[in-house]
Amino acid sequence: MSDRDSGIKIRGLQKAGQKVRPPSLYRVLLHNDDYTTMEFVVEVLRHVFRKSLEEATMIMLNVHHNGVGECGVFTYEIAETKVEMVHSCARERGFPLKCTMEKE
């Protein structure tokens, strides 16, 4: 059966010679503060970012020693959602944990 027979019109999504670019990626970062516990940061990394205990501990120590640590690299919408999830979890537990995203 051809497209014409099915009654469905299919339009070209791409013009001839036009290149499709992959989506921009964004780094999600956690920032150190004097109030959020190391245990909570590890918990957030494990649950929001699906890190193993070892990976979460390494990132948490990086945040603690360097002031900031990368949690992952995602498309804009996913990065934005992860940042909001971190802030929501932190608010629920009474921590001022800051999470940001920046274009890679």
N, C-alpha and C. Protein backbone atom coordinates (compact mmCIF):
# COMPACT_ATOMS: atom_id res chain seq x y z
N MET A 1 0.85 -1.17 0.00
CA MET A 1 0.00 0.00 0.00
C MET A 1 0.90 1.23 0.00
N SER A 2 0.64 2.18 -0.82
CA SER A 2 1.43 3.40 -0.89
C SER A 2 0.86 4.45 0.05
N ASP A 3 1.62 5.51 0.29
CA ASP A 3 1.15 6.60 1.14
C ASP A 3 -0.11 7.24 0.55
N ARG A 4 -0.15 7.27 -0.76
CA ARG A 4 -1.28 7.87 -1.44
C ARG A 4 -2.55 7.05 -1.18
N ASP A 5 -2.42 5.72 -1.16
CA ASP A 5 -3.56 4.85 -0.93
C ASP A 5 -4.09 4.93 0.49
N SER A 6 -3.22 5.19 1.46
CA SER A 6 -3.64 5.19 2.85
C SER A 6 -4.37 6.47 3.26
N GLY A 7 -4.28 7.48 2.43
CA GLY A 7 -4.94 8.74 2.75
C GLY A 7 -4.11 9.60 3.71
N ILE A 8 -2.92 9.18 4.05
CA ILE A 8 -2.05 9.93 4.95
C ILE A 8 -1.05 10.72 4.11
N LYS A 9 -0.94 11.99 4.41
CA LYS A 9 0.03 12.81 3.71
C LYS A 9 1.29 12.88 4.55
N ILE A 10 2.39 12.55 3.96
CA ILE A 10 3.67 12.60 4.65
C ILE A 10 4.50 13.71 4.02
N ARG A 11 4.89 14.66 4.83
CA ARG A 11 5.71 15.77 4.37
C ARG A 11 7.15 15.51 4.75
N GLY A 12 8.03 15.98 3.96
CA GLY A 12 9.45 15.87 4.29
C GLY A 12 9.75 16.71 5.51
N LEU A 13 10.41 16.12 6.50
CA LEU A 13 10.77 16.85 7.71
C LEU A 13 12.05 17.64 7.52
N GLN A 14 12.73 17.34 6.45
CA GLN A 14 14.03 17.95 6.24
C GLN A 14 14.14 18.32 4.76
N LYS A 15 14.58 19.53 4.49
CA LYS A 15 14.79 19.95 3.12
C LYS A 15 16.07 19.31 2.60
N ALA A 16 16.11 19.10 1.32
CA ALA A 16 17.29 18.50 0.71
C ALA A 16 18.53 19.33 1.04
N GLY A 17 19.56 18.67 1.49
CA GLY A 17 20.82 19.34 1.81
C GLY A 17 20.86 19.97 3.19
N GLN A 18 19.75 19.97 3.91
CA GLN A 18 19.70 20.57 5.24
C GLN A 18 20.16 19.54 6.27
N LYS A 19 21.06 19.94 7.15
CA LYS A 19 21.57 19.03 8.17
C LYS A 19 20.76 19.16 9.45
N VAL A 20 20.55 18.03 10.10
CA VAL A 20 19.84 18.02 11.37
C VAL A 20 20.88 18.07 12.47
N ARG A 21 20.72 19.03 13.37
CA ARG A 21 21.66 19.17 14.49
C ARG A 21 21.14 18.42 15.70
N PRO A 22 22.03 17.80 16.45
CA PRO A 22 21.58 17.18 17.70
C PRO A 22 21.19 18.29 18.69
N PRO A 23 20.35 17.98 19.67
CA PRO A 23 19.94 19.01 20.63
C PRO A 23 21.11 19.48 21.49
N SER A 24 21.03 20.70 21.95
CA SER A 24 22.04 21.23 22.86
C SER A 24 22.00 20.46 24.17
N LEU A 25 23.15 20.33 24.81
CA LEU A 25 23.23 19.62 26.08
C LEU A 25 23.56 20.59 27.20
N TYR A 26 23.10 20.24 28.40
CA TYR A 26 23.28 21.09 29.57
C TYR A 26 23.83 20.28 30.73
N ARG A 27 24.83 20.86 31.38
CA ARG A 27 25.41 20.26 32.58
C ARG A 27 24.56 20.65 33.78
N VAL A 28 24.24 19.68 34.62
CA VAL A 28 23.50 19.96 35.86
C VAL A 28 24.53 19.94 36.99
N LEU A 29 24.55 21.02 37.78
CA LEU A 29 25.55 21.21 38.82
C LEU A 29 24.92 21.36 40.19
N LEU A 30 25.57 20.77 41.19
CA LEU A 30 25.20 20.99 42.59
C LEU A 30 26.23 21.93 43.19
N HIS A 31 25.77 22.82 44.07
CA HIS A 31 26.65 23.82 44.68
C HIS A 31 26.73 23.58 46.19
N ASN A 32 27.90 23.76 46.72
CA ASN A 32 28.14 23.56 48.15
C ASN A 32 27.50 24.67 48.98
N ASP A 33 27.06 24.32 50.17
CA ASP A 33 26.59 25.30 51.14
C ASP A 33 26.98 24.78 52.53
N ASP A 34 26.75 25.60 53.54
CA ASP A 34 27.17 25.24 54.90
C ASP A 34 26.09 24.49 55.68
N TYR A 35 24.96 24.17 55.07
CA TYR A 35 23.84 23.59 55.81
C TYR A 35 23.41 22.22 55.33
N THR A 36 23.46 21.98 54.05
CA THR A 36 23.00 20.70 53.49
C THR A 36 23.98 19.60 53.88
N THR A 37 23.45 18.51 54.40
CA THR A 37 24.34 17.43 54.85
C THR A 37 24.87 16.63 53.66
N MET A 38 26.03 16.06 53.88
CA MET A 38 26.65 15.22 52.85
C MET A 38 25.76 14.02 52.54
N GLU A 39 25.12 13.49 53.57
CA GLU A 39 24.25 12.33 53.39
C GLU A 39 23.07 12.66 52.49
N PHE A 40 22.50 13.86 52.66
CA PHE A 40 21.38 14.26 51.81
C PHE A 40 21.83 14.43 50.36
N VAL A 41 22.99 15.00 50.16
CA VAL A 41 23.51 15.19 48.80
C VAL A 41 23.68 13.83 48.12
N VAL A 42 24.22 12.86 48.84
CA VAL A 42 24.37 11.51 48.28
C VAL A 42 23.00 10.93 47.96
N GLU A 43 22.04 11.11 48.84
CA GLU A 43 20.68 10.62 48.62
C GLU A 43 20.08 11.22 47.35
N VAL A 44 20.24 12.52 47.16
CA VAL A 44 19.72 13.21 45.97
C VAL A 44 20.40 12.65 44.72
N LEU A 45 21.70 12.49 44.77
CA LEU A 45 22.43 11.98 43.61
C LEU A 45 21.99 10.57 43.25
N ARG A 46 21.69 9.77 44.25
CA ARG A 46 21.26 8.39 43.99
C ARG A 46 19.85 8.34 43.43
N HIS A 47 18.95 9.16 43.97
CA HIS A 47 17.54 9.06 43.58
C HIS A 47 17.18 9.91 42.36
N VAL A 48 17.69 11.11 42.28
CA VAL A 48 17.34 11.98 41.16
C VAL A 48 18.18 11.67 39.93
N PHE A 49 19.48 11.40 40.16
CA PHE A 49 20.39 11.20 39.04
C PHE A 49 20.78 9.74 38.80
N ARG A 50 20.22 8.83 39.61
CA ARG A 50 20.45 7.39 39.46
C ARG A 50 21.93 7.00 39.51
N LYS A 51 22.66 7.64 40.40
CA LYS A 51 24.08 7.33 40.58
C LYS A 51 24.22 6.19 41.58
N SER A 52 25.28 5.41 41.40
CA SER A 52 25.59 4.37 42.39
C SER A 52 26.09 5.05 43.66
N LEU A 53 26.16 4.31 44.73
CA LEU A 53 26.66 4.87 45.99
C LEU A 53 28.07 5.43 45.80
N GLU A 54 28.90 4.71 45.08
CA GLU A 54 30.29 5.15 44.86
C GLU A 54 30.34 6.44 44.03
N GLU A 55 29.57 6.48 42.93
CA GLU A 55 29.54 7.68 42.09
C GLU A 55 28.99 8.87 42.87
N ALA A 56 27.92 8.65 43.61
CA ALA A 56 27.29 9.72 44.38
C ALA A 56 28.25 10.27 45.43
N THR A 57 28.98 9.38 46.08
CA THR A 57 29.95 9.81 47.09
C THR A 57 31.06 10.63 46.46
N MET A 58 31.55 10.21 45.30
CA MET A 58 32.62 10.96 44.61
C MET A 58 32.15 12.35 44.21
N ILE A 59 30.93 12.45 43.68
CA ILE A 59 30.40 13.76 43.28
C ILE A 59 30.18 14.63 44.50
N MET A 60 29.64 14.06 45.58
CA MET A 60 29.41 14.82 46.81
C MET A 60 30.72 15.37 47.34
N LEU A 61 31.77 14.57 47.34
CA LEU A 61 33.08 15.03 47.82
C LEU A 61 33.62 16.14 46.92
N ASN A 62 33.39 16.04 45.63
CA ASN A 62 33.80 17.08 44.70
C ASN A 62 33.07 18.39 45.01
N VAL A 63 31.77 18.29 45.28
CA VAL A 63 30.99 19.48 45.66
C VAL A 63 31.55 20.06 46.95
N HIS A 64 31.82 19.20 47.92
CA HIS A 64 32.31 19.64 49.23
C HIS A 64 33.68 20.33 49.13
N HIS A 65 34.58 19.74 48.37
CA HIS A 65 35.95 20.27 48.29
C HIS A 65 36.12 21.40 47.28
N ASN A 66 35.37 21.38 46.19
CA ASN A 66 35.56 22.36 45.12
C ASN A 66 34.43 23.37 44.99
N GLY A 67 33.37 23.20 45.78
CA GLY A 67 32.27 24.15 45.75
C GLY A 67 31.19 23.84 44.74
N VAL A 68 31.49 22.97 43.79
CA VAL A 68 30.51 22.61 42.76
C VAL A 68 30.87 21.23 42.20
N GLY A 69 29.83 20.51 41.78
CA GLY A 69 30.06 19.20 41.18
C GLY A 69 29.03 18.91 40.11
N GLU A 70 29.47 18.24 39.05
CA GLU A 70 28.59 17.91 37.94
C GLU A 70 27.84 16.62 38.21
N CYS A 71 26.53 16.67 38.05
CA CYS A 71 25.67 15.51 38.28
C CYS A 71 25.39 14.73 37.00
N GLY A 72 25.47 15.39 35.87
CA GLY A 72 25.20 14.75 34.60
C GLY A 72 25.00 15.79 33.51
N VAL A 73 24.88 15.28 32.28
CA VAL A 73 24.67 16.13 31.11
C VAL A 73 23.41 15.63 30.41
N PHE A 74 22.48 16.56 30.14
CA PHE A 74 21.17 16.20 29.62
C PHE A 74 20.69 17.21 28.60
N THR A 75 19.62 16.86 27.88
CA THR A 75 18.96 17.85 27.03
C THR A 75 18.31 18.88 27.94
N TYR A 76 17.92 20.01 27.37
CA TYR A 76 17.39 21.12 28.15
C TYR A 76 16.23 20.71 29.06
N GLU A 77 15.24 20.06 28.49
CA GLU A 77 14.05 19.72 29.26
C GLU A 77 14.35 18.77 30.41
N ILE A 78 15.21 17.80 30.17
CA ILE A 78 15.56 16.84 31.22
C ILE A 78 16.38 17.54 32.30
N ALA A 79 17.34 18.37 31.90
CA ALA A 79 18.16 19.11 32.87
C ALA A 79 17.28 20.00 33.73
N GLU A 80 16.34 20.69 33.11
CA GLU A 80 15.44 21.58 33.84
C GLU A 80 14.61 20.79 34.86
N THR A 81 14.14 19.63 34.45
CA THR A 81 13.35 18.78 35.35
C THR A 81 14.19 18.29 36.52
N LYS A 82 15.43 17.89 36.26
CA LYS A 82 16.32 17.41 37.33
C LYS A 82 16.59 18.53 38.34
N VAL A 83 16.84 19.74 37.85
CA VAL A 83 17.09 20.88 38.75
C VAL A 83 15.87 21.10 39.65
N GLU A 84 14.68 21.07 39.07
CA GLU A 84 13.46 21.28 39.87
C GLU A 84 13.26 20.14 40.87
N MET A 85 13.57 18.92 40.48
CA MET A 85 13.44 17.78 41.40
C MET A 85 14.37 17.96 42.61
N VAL A 86 15.60 18.39 42.35
CA VAL A 86 16.56 18.62 43.45
C VAL A 86 16.02 19.70 44.38
N HIS A 87 15.57 20.81 43.82
CA HIS A 87 15.07 21.91 44.66
C HIS A 87 13.84 21.48 45.45
N SER A 88 12.98 20.70 44.84
CA SER A 88 11.78 20.22 45.53
C SER A 88 12.15 19.31 46.70
N CYS A 89 13.05 18.36 46.46
CA CYS A 89 13.50 17.45 47.53
C CYS A 89 14.16 18.24 48.66
N ALA A 90 14.99 19.21 48.30
CA ALA A 90 15.70 20.01 49.31
C ALA A 90 14.71 20.82 50.15
N ARG A 91 13.72 21.42 49.50
CA ARG A 91 12.70 22.19 50.25
C ARG A 91 11.94 21.30 51.22
N GLU A 92 11.57 20.10 50.75
CA GLU A 92 10.83 19.17 51.62
C GLU A 92 11.61 18.82 52.87
N ARG A 93 12.92 18.74 52.75
CA ARG A 93 13.77 18.35 53.88
C ARG A 93 14.37 19.56 54.61
N GLY A 94 14.07 20.77 54.13
CA GLY A 94 14.54 21.98 54.81
C GLY A 94 15.98 22.34 54.53
N PHE A 95 16.50 21.93 53.38
CA PHE A 95 17.88 22.25 53.01
C PHE A 95 17.90 23.31 51.91
N PRO A 96 18.93 24.18 51.92
CA PRO A 96 19.03 25.22 50.89
C PRO A 96 19.87 24.78 49.69
N LEU A 97 19.93 23.50 49.40
CA LEU A 97 20.77 22.98 48.33
C LEU A 97 20.46 23.68 47.01
N LYS A 98 21.51 24.18 46.37
CA LYS A 98 21.36 24.88 45.10
C LYS A 98 21.80 23.97 43.97
N CYS A 99 20.98 23.93 42.92
CA CYS A 99 21.26 23.14 41.75
C CYS A 99 21.02 24.03 40.53
N THR A 100 21.97 24.04 39.60
CA THR A 100 21.84 24.87 38.42
C THR A 100 22.15 24.05 37.17
N MET A 101 21.90 24.66 36.03
CA MET A 101 22.26 24.03 34.76
C MET A 101 22.95 25.06 33.90
N GLU A 102 23.90 24.59 33.08
CA GLU A 102 24.59 25.49 32.17
C GLU A 102 24.82 24.76 30.85
N LYS A 103 24.77 25.51 29.79
CA LYS A 103 24.97 24.93 28.46
C LYS A 103 26.38 24.40 28.35
N GLU A 104 26.49 23.22 27.79
CA GLU A 104 27.81 22.58 27.66
C GLU A 104 28.59 23.20 26.54
